[in-house]
Structures are given as structure tokens and as C-alpha cells.
Amino acid sequence: GNRQSIADNYEYVMYGKLYRVTEGSGGREKAELQISFGGLLMLLKGDHSHFNKFELDQRLYLLMRKV
């Protein structure tokens, strides 16, 4: 039918899996998340406190639109 989803508001939508979580060493509060979208890989780097809700093997959506 005409069922709408949040994806209808974006130009590009990808579904992926978080396959690696790396925490900083040497007392740094940095972390890295590596996500695979069917062969297209994304690396996110940032403060560990921003990544504390992510878990290994978690499934994620990436929603993008033009600005």
C-alpha cells in the first residue's frame, strides 16, 4: 500500500552492520566504529562518550539527504 516510512524523507538510505569497535589507548578518550554497508565501509572517529550506546554486530541505518 501507501505505507510511509522515515526513509521517504531521504535521498539515500543504507542498512549496515557494526563490525568493529576500537577504543583509544594511552588514556585517550577516543574511539572508532567501523560499519559495513554490503562492502561499502564507514569509519567513524570521535569521543568515546558519543559511542557508548553502540554494540558490536548492531544493525544500523544511514540516512542521507542533500542540503
Foldseek 3Di string as FASTA:
>chain_A
DPDDDPLVVFDDKFKWWFADKAADPDPAQKIWIWIDRPNDIDIDIDGNVVCVVDDHRDMDMDGHHDD
